[in-house]
């Protein structure tokens, strides 16, 4: 890595790139800061299996229920095939800010080492230019790691999906440069991980760009296939020159919600795909299901349902030497706070049910508890709730429904209105169930007061507050509403209102909930 560090140092010295700092704490969990009973958020897990069968899992956590400066990365291991787990290392950049570590990944490299990586970001949340990818190499994956390993700075960006080894022997990292070009990047080592360089990458169209959580597959004809998360689901591209140039990222036939999926070639030569719902169906973050392809992804067979619950997400895994497939995912990141794993074989996937004795579903790796709960903003500086008649919206083809606990809020997500969070002022209110993602336009069918619930910009980068303000909407003097997943401050919503004229149109994107008061 010496040449890589010299190059980065030169960039820093010339003012082109500030050199990142390693985490302040890289060692055993500190108590009580990193205690499993002091976690408001857990999620985004990855898993690896050593040749000898030791299991490794990683995810990130924090004392608050948010993706914020309190996040740190956890490494856990099991020597008894997942019956018990022990958290052995934590990468915490600065114990409370302004940095966070997040989106970790585990990978068994061809040289027999275990590679543990994560990204370090200087907050605020949208400061993606500061993203630095770090990696720890553990030389003995059959044993617990040393107490203070040394991390290496690999590249700029985020890598939250499995690396790939090409038939040429090259090691490939799927490193994303969020909101930059090329966004679905490819970082390559030709010397077994000693040095790394950017070879190329596929560029996500700006209108569909969100988080490039991309994976590479080397197809049997030698081409490389890139599948990447986007706002609309999955886009895909192909390279026929080992990743130097790519076709445009086009919509995939694999339909999916905007969330991480998992695809990997198995020892049999078949491809494994784990996604939400059926291959041709776009559903919410539920019904995590495994499929197989025998023709390099042209068609898919089987369908083993791993977990049908709302709130399961972000699969990642590995096939062990004995053919058993291990898969990890998270569930309900701010309430149940669970990291889970499952085991199954190809025959289970093809049968669509457990037929092998090795199938295990919903196995617990970690369950967080505790943490802190953020207070809502009172918004005393807002305008009074408008009196007078409510407007009406021409909402077709979407439904207008009562705003109450348990109501499904979006057509393309499984999020439901949290229990006990609808305030008295919203009793008998209705909402329009629109998609969370994408651009929407509603027309006022009857003049009167129309409202929207959306987070403020400091709560969530997907806030529609500015767009609504530009159309004449004003903030109302009501406390924030913990609309869904009430532990997560990015879902704390502010109410904006306007007296609309009949025929007036309202445009908004991701995300806001249209509300009509009685």
Protein backbone atom coordinates (compact mmCIF):
# COMPACT_ATOMS: atom_id res chain seq x y z
CA UNK A 1 0.00 0.00 0.00
CA UNK A 2 3.05 2.32 0.23
CA UNK A 3 2.72 3.70 -3.31
CA UNK A 4 -1.00 4.29 -2.78
CA UNK A 5 -0.37 6.24 0.42
CA UNK A 6 2.33 8.30 -1.34
CA UNK A 7 -0.13 9.18 -4.08
CA UNK A 8 -2.83 10.17 -1.59
CA UNK A 9 -0.29 12.15 0.44
CA UNK A 10 0.74 14.06 -2.70
CA UNK A 11 -2.89 14.89 -3.39
CA UNK A 12 -3.29 16.14 0.17
CA UNK A 13 -0.08 18.19 0.07
CA UNK A 14 -1.09 19.88 -3.17
CA UNK A 15 -4.47 20.77 -1.68
CA UNK A 16 -6.41 18.56 -4.09
CA UNK A 17 -7.55 16.10 -1.44
CA UNK A 18 -7.43 16.28 2.35
CA UNK A 19 -5.91 13.09 3.76
CA UNK A 20 -8.43 11.17 5.89
CA UNK A 21 -7.75 10.11 9.45
CA UNK A 22 -8.06 6.51 10.65
CA UNK A 23 -10.70 5.83 13.31
CA UNK A 24 -9.82 7.07 16.79
CA UNK A 25 -10.84 3.69 18.18
CA UNK A 26 -10.20 0.43 16.35
CA UNK A 27 -10.30 -2.30 18.94
CA UNK A 28 -12.60 -4.19 21.33
CA UNK A 29 -15.98 -2.55 22.07
CA UNK A 30 -15.81 0.19 24.69
CA UNK A 31 -18.36 -0.03 27.51
CA UNK A 32 -20.91 1.41 27.89
CA UNK A 33 -20.58 3.41 24.63
CA UNK A 34 -20.59 0.39 22.31
CA UNK A 35 -22.75 -1.90 24.46
CA UNK A 36 -25.45 -3.83 22.63
CA UNK A 37 -27.86 -2.40 25.23
CA UNK A 38 -26.96 1.16 24.21
CA UNK A 39 -28.06 1.09 20.58
CA UNK A 40 -30.77 3.17 18.98
CA UNK A 41 -29.98 1.92 15.48
CA UNK A 42 -28.49 -1.22 13.91
CA UNK A 43 -28.37 -2.28 10.27
CA UNK A 44 -26.58 -2.85 6.95
CA UNK A 45 -24.93 -6.20 7.69
CA UNK A 46 -22.39 -8.30 5.79
CA UNK A 47 -21.20 -11.87 6.34
CA UNK A 48 -18.23 -14.10 5.51
CA UNK A 49 -17.33 -17.73 6.21
CA UNK A 50 -13.74 -18.90 6.72
CA UNK A 51 -12.49 -22.11 5.04
CA UNK A 52 -12.67 -23.77 8.44
CA UNK A 53 -16.26 -22.68 9.03
CA UNK A 54 -15.84 -19.71 11.39
CA UNK A 55 -18.58 -17.16 10.75
CA UNK A 56 -17.99 -13.42 10.63
CA UNK A 57 -20.59 -10.65 10.56
CA UNK A 58 -20.37 -6.87 10.48
CA UNK A 59 -22.89 -4.01 10.60
CA UNK A 60 -23.08 -0.47 11.87
CA UNK A 61 -24.82 0.87 14.96
CA UNK A 62 -25.18 4.00 17.07
CA UNK A 63 -26.63 5.31 20.32
CA UNK A 64 -29.20 7.39 18.42
CA UNK A 65 -31.86 5.98 16.09
CA UNK A 66 -30.30 7.72 13.12
CA UNK A 67 -27.73 7.54 10.38
CA UNK A 68 -25.56 10.23 11.95
CA UNK A 69 -22.24 11.16 13.56
CA UNK A 70 -22.81 8.59 16.32
CA UNK A 71 -22.50 5.61 13.94
CA UNK A 72 -19.73 3.04 14.39
CA UNK A 73 -18.98 -0.31 12.76
CA UNK A 74 -19.10 -3.64 14.63
CA UNK A 75 -17.27 -6.91 13.84
CA UNK A 76 -18.68 -10.10 15.37
CA UNK A 77 -17.67 -13.75 15.04
CA UNK A 78 -19.02 -17.22 15.79
CA UNK A 79 -16.98 -20.38 16.24
CA UNK A 80 -19.99 -22.67 16.63
CA UNK A 81 -21.80 -22.20 13.32
CA UNK A 82 -23.89 -19.28 14.51
CA UNK A 83 -25.20 -20.65 17.81
CA UNK A 84 -23.40 -17.92 19.75
CA UNK A 85 -21.73 -14.69 18.66
CA UNK A 86 -19.07 -12.44 20.16
CA UNK A 87 -18.46 -8.81 19.20
CA UNK A 88 -14.69 -8.51 18.91
CA UNK A 89 -13.89 -5.18 17.22
CA UNK A 90 -15.42 -1.75 16.74
CA UNK A 91 -14.31 0.98 14.32
CA UNK A 92 -15.45 4.27 15.86
CA UNK A 93 -14.04 7.42 14.22
CA UNK A 94 -14.49 9.90 17.06
CA UNK A 95 -17.22 8.79 19.51
CA UNK A 96 -19.90 11.33 18.71
CA UNK A 97 -18.84 13.49 15.84
CA UNK A 98 -18.34 15.00 13.42
CA UNK A 99 -17.45 11.73 11.67
CA UNK A 100 -19.30 8.46 11.21
CA UNK A 101 -18.26 4.97 10.06
CA UNK A 102 -20.86 3.02 8.09
CA UNK A 103 -21.65 0.56 5.27
CA UNK A 104 -19.18 -2.21 6.20
CA UNK A 105 -18.38 -5.29 4.11
CA UNK A 106 -16.69 -8.65 4.73
CA UNK A 107 -14.90 -10.72 2.09
CA UNK A 108 -12.80 -13.87 2.08
CA UNK A 109 -9.99 -13.03 -0.35
CA UNK A 110 -8.31 -15.68 -2.54
CA UNK A 111 -5.12 -15.42 -0.47
CA UNK A 112 -6.97 -16.83 2.56
CA UNK A 113 -7.25 -13.55 4.42
CA UNK A 114 -10.45 -11.95 5.69
CA UNK A 115 -10.94 -8.39 4.46
CA UNK A 116 -13.11 -6.08 6.62
CA UNK A 117 -13.94 -2.68 5.15
CA UNK A 118 -16.06 0.37 5.92
CA UNK A 119 -16.46 4.00 4.89
CA UNK A 120 -15.66 7.03 7.05
CA UNK A 121 -17.53 10.28 6.38
CA UNK A 122 -17.21 13.74 7.87
CA UNK A 123 -20.75 14.90 8.54
CA UNK A 124 -23.14 16.41 7.48
CA UNK A 125 -24.91 13.49 5.85
CA UNK A 126 -24.57 14.77 2.30
CA UNK A 127 -20.81 15.40 2.54
CA UNK A 128 -20.04 12.46 0.25
CA UNK A 129 -16.86 14.13 -1.00
CA UNK A 130 -15.24 13.15 2.31
CA UNK A 131 -16.05 9.42 1.96
CA UNK A 132 -12.93 7.33 2.60
CA UNK A 133 -12.89 3.55 2.20
CA UNK A 134 -10.79 1.74 4.84
CA UNK A 135 -9.85 -1.94 5.01
CA UNK A 136 -8.43 -4.26 7.67
CA UNK A 137 -6.73 -7.49 6.59
CA UNK A 138 -7.05 -10.35 9.09
CA UNK A 139 -4.47 -13.00 8.30
CA UNK A 140 -6.03 -15.75 10.44
CA UNK A 141 -9.80 -15.92 9.82
CA UNK A 142 -10.04 -19.12 11.89
CA UNK A 143 -9.31 -17.24 15.13
CA UNK A 144 -10.46 -14.11 16.90
CA UNK A 145 -8.64 -11.03 15.58
CA UNK A 146 -5.84 -9.06 17.24
CA UNK A 147 -7.05 -6.32 19.59
CA UNK A 148 -5.62 -3.42 17.57
CA UNK A 149 -5.35 -4.17 13.83
CA UNK A 150 -4.02 -1.58 11.40
CA UNK A 151 -6.44 -0.19 8.79
CA UNK A 152 -5.43 0.76 5.25
CA UNK A 153 -6.94 3.57 3.23
CA UNK A 154 -8.02 2.01 -0.07
CA UNK A 155 -9.98 4.55 -2.09
CA UNK A 156 -12.42 7.41 -2.05
CA UNK A 157 -16.04 6.28 -1.88
CA UNK A 158 -18.37 3.63 -0.45
CA UNK A 159 -18.19 -0.16 -0.88
CA UNK A 160 -21.13 -2.02 0.59
CA UNK A 161 -21.30 -5.05 -1.71
CA UNK A 162 -19.05 -8.08 -2.22
CA UNK A 163 -15.78 -7.79 -4.19
CA UNK A 164 -15.19 -10.08 -7.15
CA UNK A 165 -12.22 -12.06 -8.48
CA UNK A 166 -12.07 -12.10 -12.28
CA UNK A 167 -10.93 -15.06 -14.37
CA UNK A 168 -7.75 -13.05 -15.02
CA UNK A 169 -6.95 -13.16 -11.28
CA UNK A 170 -7.69 -9.45 -10.82
CA UNK A 171 -9.47 -8.39 -7.63
CA UNK A 172 -12.39 -6.00 -8.18
CA UNK A 173 -14.00 -3.72 -5.60
CA UNK A 174 -17.44 -2.19 -6.35
CA UNK A 175 -16.68 1.30 -4.99
CA UNK A 176 -19.38 3.93 -5.43
CA UNK A 177 -18.82 7.65 -5.73
CA UNK A 178 -22.29 8.83 -4.75
CA UNK A 179 -23.64 11.72 -6.83
CA UNK A 180 -20.45 11.82 -8.96
CA UNK A 181 -19.34 10.30 -12.26
CA UNK A 182 -18.79 7.43 -12.78
CA UNK A 183 -21.02 6.61 -9.84
CA UNK A 184 -20.92 2.77 -9.98
CA UNK A 185 -17.15 2.55 -9.94
CA UNK A 186 -14.70 -0.32 -10.33
CA UNK A 187 -11.46 -0.33 -8.34
CA UNK A 188 -8.99 -3.04 -9.36
CA UNK A 189 -5.90 -4.71 -7.95
CA UNK A 190 -3.60 -6.63 -10.30
CA UNK A 191 -1.21 -7.65 -7.50
CA UNK A 192 -3.48 -9.43 -5.01
CA UNK A 193 -4.43 -6.38 -2.99
CA UNK A 194 -1.06 -4.65 -2.68
CA UNK A 195 -2.13 -1.67 -4.79
CA UNK A 196 -5.47 -0.46 -6.14
CA UNK A 197 -6.54 1.85 -8.94
CA UNK A 198 -9.79 3.01 -10.50
CA UNK A 199 -10.31 1.27 -13.84
CA UNK A 200 -13.69 2.65 -14.85
CA UNK A 201 -17.33 2.53 -13.93
CA UNK A 202 -20.91 2.88 -15.06
CA UNK A 203 -22.66 6.22 -14.63
CA UNK A 204 -26.15 6.42 -13.17
CA UNK A 205 -28.50 8.88 -14.94
CA UNK A 206 -28.87 11.88 -12.66
CA UNK A 207 -32.66 11.68 -12.61
CA UNK A 208 -32.49 8.12 -11.22
CA UNK A 209 -29.43 8.53 -9.01
CA UNK A 210 -29.69 7.72 -5.32
CA UNK A 211 -27.16 5.37 -3.70
CA UNK A 212 -25.15 3.24 -6.14
CA UNK A 213 -25.08 -0.06 -4.24
CA UNK A 214 -23.73 -2.04 -7.16
CA UNK A 215 -22.48 -5.56 -7.76
CA UNK A 216 -20.40 -7.05 -10.56
CA UNK A 217 -20.82 -10.46 -12.19
CA UNK A 218 -18.38 -11.93 -14.71
CA UNK A 219 -20.54 -13.68 -17.26
CA UNK A 220 -19.60 -16.87 -19.04
CA UNK A 221 -18.86 -15.01 -22.26
CA UNK A 222 -16.23 -12.93 -20.43
CA UNK A 223 -18.27 -9.73 -20.24
CA UNK A 224 -18.87 -7.94 -16.96
CA UNK A 225 -22.41 -7.28 -15.76
CA UNK A 226 -23.05 -4.41 -13.34
CA UNK A 227 -26.32 -4.22 -11.42
CA UNK A 228 -26.85 -1.06 -9.38
CA UNK A 229 -29.49 0.31 -7.03
CA UNK A 230 -31.29 3.46 -8.19
CA UNK A 231 -34.40 5.43 -7.32
CA UNK A 232 -36.56 3.33 -9.63
CA UNK A 233 -35.12 -0.01 -8.48
CA UNK A 234 -32.24 -1.61 -10.41
CA UNK A 235 -30.32 -0.50 -13.48
CA UNK A 236 -27.72 -2.59 -15.31
CA UNK A 237 -24.77 -2.10 -17.63
CA UNK A 238 -22.25 -4.30 -19.48
CA UNK A 239 -18.51 -3.97 -20.11
CA UNK A 240 -16.65 -5.98 -22.74
CA UNK A 241 -13.17 -4.59 -22.01
CA UNK A 242 -12.66 -5.72 -18.40
CA UNK A 243 -14.37 -2.67 -16.92
CA UNK A 244 -12.70 0.20 -18.76
CA UNK A 245 -15.86 1.29 -20.55
CA UNK A 246 -19.51 0.52 -19.90
CA UNK A 247 -22.82 0.64 -21.69
CA UNK A 248 -25.36 3.10 -20.22
CA UNK A 249 -27.04 1.97 -16.99
CA UNK A 250 -30.47 0.95 -18.30
CA UNK A 251 -33.54 -0.28 -16.37
CA UNK A 252 -33.23 -3.95 -15.46
CA UNK A 253 -35.82 -6.64 -16.07
CA UNK A 254 -35.31 -7.52 -12.41
CA UNK A 255 -37.93 -5.37 -10.68
CA UNK A 256 -37.06 -4.16 -7.20
CA UNK A 257 -37.70 -1.54 -4.59
CA UNK A 258 -34.96 1.05 -4.09
CA UNK A 259 -32.86 -1.04 -1.70
CA UNK A 260 -29.81 -3.28 -1.72
CA UNK A 261 -30.17 -6.73 -3.27
CA UNK A 262 -27.62 -9.56 -3.53
CA UNK A 263 -26.32 -11.46 -6.56
CA UNK A 264 -23.42 -13.93 -6.61
CA UNK A 265 -22.11 -16.81 -8.70
CA UNK A 266 -22.16 -20.15 -6.89
CA UNK A 267 -19.70 -23.04 -7.15
CA UNK A 268 -22.15 -24.85 -9.48
CA UNK A 269 -21.92 -21.99 -11.96
CA UNK A 270 -25.48 -20.89 -11.25
CA UNK A 271 -26.27 -17.36 -10.12
CA UNK A 272 -27.95 -16.67 -6.78
CA UNK A 273 -30.23 -13.64 -6.50
CA UNK A 274 -31.77 -12.47 -3.23
CA UNK A 275 -34.32 -9.67 -3.51
CA UNK A 276 -37.65 -8.43 -2.22
CA UNK A 277 -40.57 -10.28 -3.78
CA UNK A 278 -40.82 -12.07 -7.11
CA UNK A 279 -38.28 -11.35 -9.86
CA UNK A 280 -40.77 -9.45 -11.99
CA UNK A 281 -42.47 -7.66 -9.09
CA UNK A 282 -41.54 -4.43 -7.34
CA UNK A 283 -42.55 -4.64 -3.71
CA UNK A 284 -41.49 -2.92 -0.50
CA UNK A 285 -38.81 -4.04 1.95
CA UNK A 286 -40.49 -7.34 2.74
CA UNK A 287 -40.61 -10.91 1.40
CA UNK A 288 -36.87 -11.45 1.12
CA UNK A 289 -36.63 -14.29 -1.41
CA UNK A 290 -33.83 -16.31 -3.06
CA UNK A 291 -33.77 -17.32 -6.75
CA UNK A 292 -31.37 -19.22 -9.05
CA UNK A 293 -30.39 -18.71 -12.69
CA UNK A 294 -28.82 -21.45 -14.81
CA UNK A 295 -28.44 -19.22 -17.89
CA UNK A 296 -26.36 -16.29 -16.61
CA UNK A 297 -29.32 -14.22 -15.45
CA UNK A 298 -31.52 -14.52 -18.52
CA UNK A 299 -34.18 -16.39 -16.52
CA UNK A 300 -34.71 -17.19 -12.84
CA UNK A 301 -36.08 -20.27 -11.10
CA UNK A 302 -37.35 -21.27 -7.68
CA UNK A 303 -38.11 -18.79 -4.95
CA UNK A 304 -37.22 -19.64 -1.34
CA UNK A 305 -38.94 -17.16 0.99
CA UNK A 306 -36.43 -16.27 3.70
CA UNK A 307 -38.38 -13.67 5.67
CA UNK A 308 -41.73 -12.12 4.74
CA UNK A 309 -41.87 -9.40 7.41
CA UNK A 310 -42.00 -5.69 6.67
CA UNK A 311 -38.68 -4.10 7.53
CA UNK A 312 -36.26 -6.81 6.37
CA UNK A 313 -33.52 -5.47 4.13
CA UNK A 314 -29.96 -5.46 2.77
CA UNK A 315 -29.04 -9.11 2.10
CA UNK A 316 -25.38 -10.16 1.83
CA UNK A 317 -23.75 -13.55 2.04
CA UNK A 318 -21.35 -16.25 0.94
CA UNK A 319 -21.38 -19.88 -0.12
CA UNK A 320 -19.22 -22.05 2.13
CA UNK A 321 -16.85 -24.73 0.87
CA UNK A 322 -19.46 -27.44 1.58
CA UNK A 323 -22.01 -25.71 -0.67
CA UNK A 324 -24.12 -24.28 2.15
CA UNK A 325 -25.21 -20.69 1.52
CA UNK A 326 -25.08 -18.21 4.40
CA UNK A 327 -27.03 -14.99 4.12
CA UNK A 328 -27.34 -12.07 6.53
CA UNK A 329 -29.82 -9.16 6.60
CA UNK A 330 -31.26 -6.65 9.05
CA UNK A 331 -34.77 -6.29 10.46
CA UNK A 332 -36.50 -3.16 11.79
CA UNK A 333 -33.38 -1.07 12.35
CA UNK A 334 -34.72 1.31 15.01
CA UNK A 335 -37.31 -0.78 16.86
CA UNK A 336 -36.52 -4.51 16.86
CA UNK A 337 -32.88 -3.70 15.93
CA UNK A 338 -31.99 -7.20 14.74
CA UNK A 339 -29.15 -8.59 12.65
CA UNK A 340 -30.08 -12.05 11.34
CA UNK A 341 -28.78 -14.83 9.15
CA UNK A 342 -30.14 -17.80 7.24
CA UNK A 343 -28.62 -20.95 5.75
CA UNK A 344 -29.89 -22.92 2.78
CA UNK A 345 -28.80 -24.90 -0.28
CA UNK A 346 -29.49 -24.62 -3.99
CA UNK A 347 -32.08 -27.40 -3.83
CA UNK A 348 -34.07 -25.38 -1.28
CA UNK A 349 -34.12 -22.39 -3.62
CA UNK A 350 -35.20 -24.45 -6.64
CA UNK A 351 -37.91 -26.23 -4.63
CA UNK A 352 -39.22 -22.98 -3.19
CA UNK A 353 -39.21 -24.54 0.26
CA UNK A 354 -36.84 -26.11 2.79
CA UNK A 355 -35.97 -29.62 1.58
CA UNK A 356 -32.43 -29.94 2.95
CA UNK A 357 -31.75 -30.56 6.67
CA UNK A 358 -29.34 -27.61 6.73
CA UNK A 359 -31.98 -24.93 6.21
CA UNK A 360 -32.16 -22.41 9.06
CA UNK A 361 -34.18 -19.21 8.86
CA UNK A 362 -34.34 -16.09 11.06
CA UNK A 363 -31.24 -16.93 13.08
CA UNK A 364 -30.22 -14.13 15.43
CA UNK A 365 -26.74 -12.60 15.30
CA UNK A 366 -27.43 -9.49 17.39
CA UNK A 367 -30.39 -7.66 18.92
CA UNK A 368 -29.83 -4.08 20.01
CA UNK A 369 -31.72 -2.24 22.71
CA UNK A 370 -31.64 1.06 24.55
CA UNK A 371 -30.03 4.10 23.03
CA UNK A 372 -31.46 7.61 23.09
CA UNK A 373 -34.65 9.10 21.62
CA UNK A 374 -34.49 12.52 20.01
CA UNK A 375 -36.92 15.28 20.91
CA UNK A 376 -39.27 16.78 18.32
CA UNK A 377 -39.06 20.43 17.26
CA UNK A 378 -41.98 22.50 18.60
CA UNK A 379 -42.03 24.88 15.57
CA UNK A 380 -43.32 27.79 17.66
CA UNK A 381 -42.14 30.10 14.85
CA UNK A 382 -44.61 28.59 12.38
CA UNK A 383 -47.95 29.99 11.24
CA UNK A 384 -51.22 29.11 12.93
CA UNK A 385 -53.13 26.17 11.55
CA UNK A 386 -55.43 27.60 8.90
CA UNK A 387 -59.10 27.83 9.70
CA UNK A 388 -61.78 27.41 7.11
CA UNK A 389 -62.66 24.80 4.58
CA UNK A 390 -60.41 21.98 3.47
CA UNK A 391 -59.49 21.72 -0.16
CA UNK A 392 -59.84 18.56 -2.21
CA UNK A 393 -57.27 16.92 -4.46
CA UNK A 394 -57.73 15.08 -7.72
CA UNK A 395 -55.61 12.14 -6.57
CA UNK A 396 -56.27 9.57 -9.30
CA UNK A 397 -54.89 6.96 -9.64
CA UNK A 398 -53.94 7.09 -5.94
CA UNK A 399 -56.20 6.48 -2.96
CA UNK A 400 -57.28 9.01 -0.32
CA UNK A 401 -57.42 7.30 3.08
CA UNK A 402 -57.80 8.12 6.80
CA UNK A 403 -54.52 9.17 8.45
CA UNK A 404 -54.36 6.84 11.43
CA UNK A 405 -52.05 4.43 13.21
CA UNK A 406 -51.16 1.43 11.06
CA UNK A 407 -52.06 3.08 7.74
CA UNK A 408 -49.68 2.16 4.90
CA UNK A 409 -48.27 5.51 3.83
CA UNK A 410 -46.74 4.91 0.37
CA UNK A 411 -47.61 2.72 -2.59
CA UNK A 412 -43.98 1.62 -3.07
CA UNK A 413 -42.94 1.16 0.57
CA UNK A 414 -44.23 -0.88 3.50
CA UNK A 415 -43.91 1.99 6.00
CA UNK A 416 -46.97 2.43 8.23
CA UNK A 417 -48.08 5.35 10.37
CA UNK A 418 -46.63 4.85 13.86
CA UNK A 419 -48.88 4.03 16.81
CA UNK A 420 -49.81 6.99 18.96
CA UNK A 421 -48.02 9.57 16.82
CA UNK A 422 -50.99 11.21 15.03
CA UNK A 423 -51.74 14.41 17.01
CA UNK A 424 -55.26 15.56 17.99
CA UNK A 425 -55.14 18.30 15.34
CA UNK A 426 -55.05 15.56 12.70
CA UNK A 427 -58.04 13.61 14.02
CA UNK A 428 -60.24 12.70 11.04
CA UNK A 429 -57.56 13.90 8.62
CA UNK A 430 -57.03 12.08 5.32
CA UNK A 431 -53.91 11.51 3.25
CA UNK A 432 -53.15 10.55 -0.33
CA UNK A 433 -51.14 7.34 -0.62
CA UNK A 434 -48.61 8.26 -3.30
CA UNK A 435 -45.27 6.63 -4.16
CA UNK A 436 -42.39 7.69 -1.94
CA UNK A 437 -40.05 7.89 -4.93
CA UNK A 438 -40.38 9.82 -8.17
CA UNK A 439 -41.99 13.07 -9.26
CA UNK A 440 -45.70 13.57 -8.57
CA UNK A 441 -48.26 16.23 -9.48
CA UNK A 442 -51.65 16.73 -7.81
CA UNK A 443 -54.44 19.09 -8.90
CA UNK A 444 -56.66 20.98 -6.48
CA UNK A 445 -60.22 19.85 -7.26
CA UNK A 446 -61.83 22.15 -4.68
CA UNK A 447 -60.42 25.41 -3.33
CA UNK A 448 -59.32 25.32 0.29
CA UNK A 449 -56.53 24.33 2.66
CA UNK A 450 -54.10 21.64 1.45
CA UNK A 451 -51.22 20.33 3.55
CA UNK A 452 -48.11 18.17 3.28
CA UNK A 453 -46.02 16.28 5.82
CA UNK A 454 -42.31 16.18 5.00
CA UNK A 455 -39.08 16.31 7.04
CA UNK A 456 -37.16 19.56 7.26
CA UNK A 457 -33.96 19.69 5.23
CA UNK A 458 -31.74 19.28 8.29
CA UNK A 459 -33.62 16.10 9.16
CA UNK A 460 -33.57 14.44 5.76
CA UNK A 461 -31.83 15.20 2.47
CA UNK A 462 -35.04 14.11 0.70
CA UNK A 463 -37.03 16.94 2.30
CA UNK A 464 -39.64 18.63 0.10
CA UNK A 465 -39.77 21.72 2.36
CA UNK A 466 -37.95 23.95 -0.10
CA UNK A 467 -39.99 22.76 -3.09
CA UNK A 468 -43.24 23.30 -1.20
CA UNK A 469 -42.12 26.72 0.04
CA UNK A 470 -41.42 27.77 -3.54
CA UNK A 471 -45.07 26.97 -4.31
CA UNK A 472 -46.40 29.09 -1.46
CA UNK A 473 -46.67 26.55 1.36
CA UNK A 474 -45.84 27.69 4.91
CA UNK A 475 -44.62 25.86 7.99
CA UNK A 476 -47.33 25.40 10.64
CA UNK A 477 -46.84 25.93 14.39
CA UNK A 478 -47.31 22.26 15.27
CA UNK A 479 -44.67 19.98 16.80
CA UNK A 480 -43.01 17.52 14.46
CA UNK A 481 -44.80 14.20 13.93
CA UNK A 482 -42.82 10.97 14.23
CA UNK A 483 -44.64 9.66 11.19
CA UNK A 484 -43.13 6.17 10.79
CA UNK A 485 -40.22 4.27 12.35
CA UNK A 486 -40.58 6.81 15.17
CA UNK A 487 -37.07 6.27 16.55
CA UNK A 488 -35.54 7.67 13.36
CA UNK A 489 -35.28 11.46 13.25
CA UNK A 490 -35.10 11.46 9.44
CA UNK A 491 -38.79 10.51 9.55
CA UNK A 492 -39.81 13.37 11.87
CA UNK A 493 -42.25 15.38 9.74
CA UNK A 494 -43.24 19.04 9.71
CA UNK A 495 -46.64 20.16 8.46
CA UNK A 496 -46.80 22.70 5.61
CA UNK A 497 -50.08 24.28 4.44
CA UNK A 498 -51.49 26.52 1.73
CA UNK A 499 -54.91 27.80 0.67
CA UNK A 500 -55.05 26.48 -2.88
CA UNK A 501 -57.22 27.63 -5.75
CA UNK A 502 -59.33 25.23 -7.76
CA UNK A 503 -57.33 23.88 -10.69
CA UNK A 504 -53.97 24.76 -9.13
CA UNK A 505 -51.30 22.05 -9.44
CA UNK A 506 -48.78 21.01 -6.80
CA UNK A 507 -45.54 19.29 -7.80
CA UNK A 508 -43.35 17.34 -5.39
CA UNK A 509 -40.85 14.49 -5.34
CA UNK A 510 -39.22 12.23 -2.76
CA UNK A 511 -40.72 12.54 -0.25
CA UNK A 512 -43.86 14.13 1.17
CA UNK A 513 -47.32 12.97 2.25
CA UNK A 514 -50.32 15.02 1.03
CA UNK A 515 -52.75 15.65 3.92
CA UNK A 516 -56.30 17.02 3.99
CA UNK A 517 -57.63 18.21 7.34
CA UNK A 518 -61.38 17.99 8.07
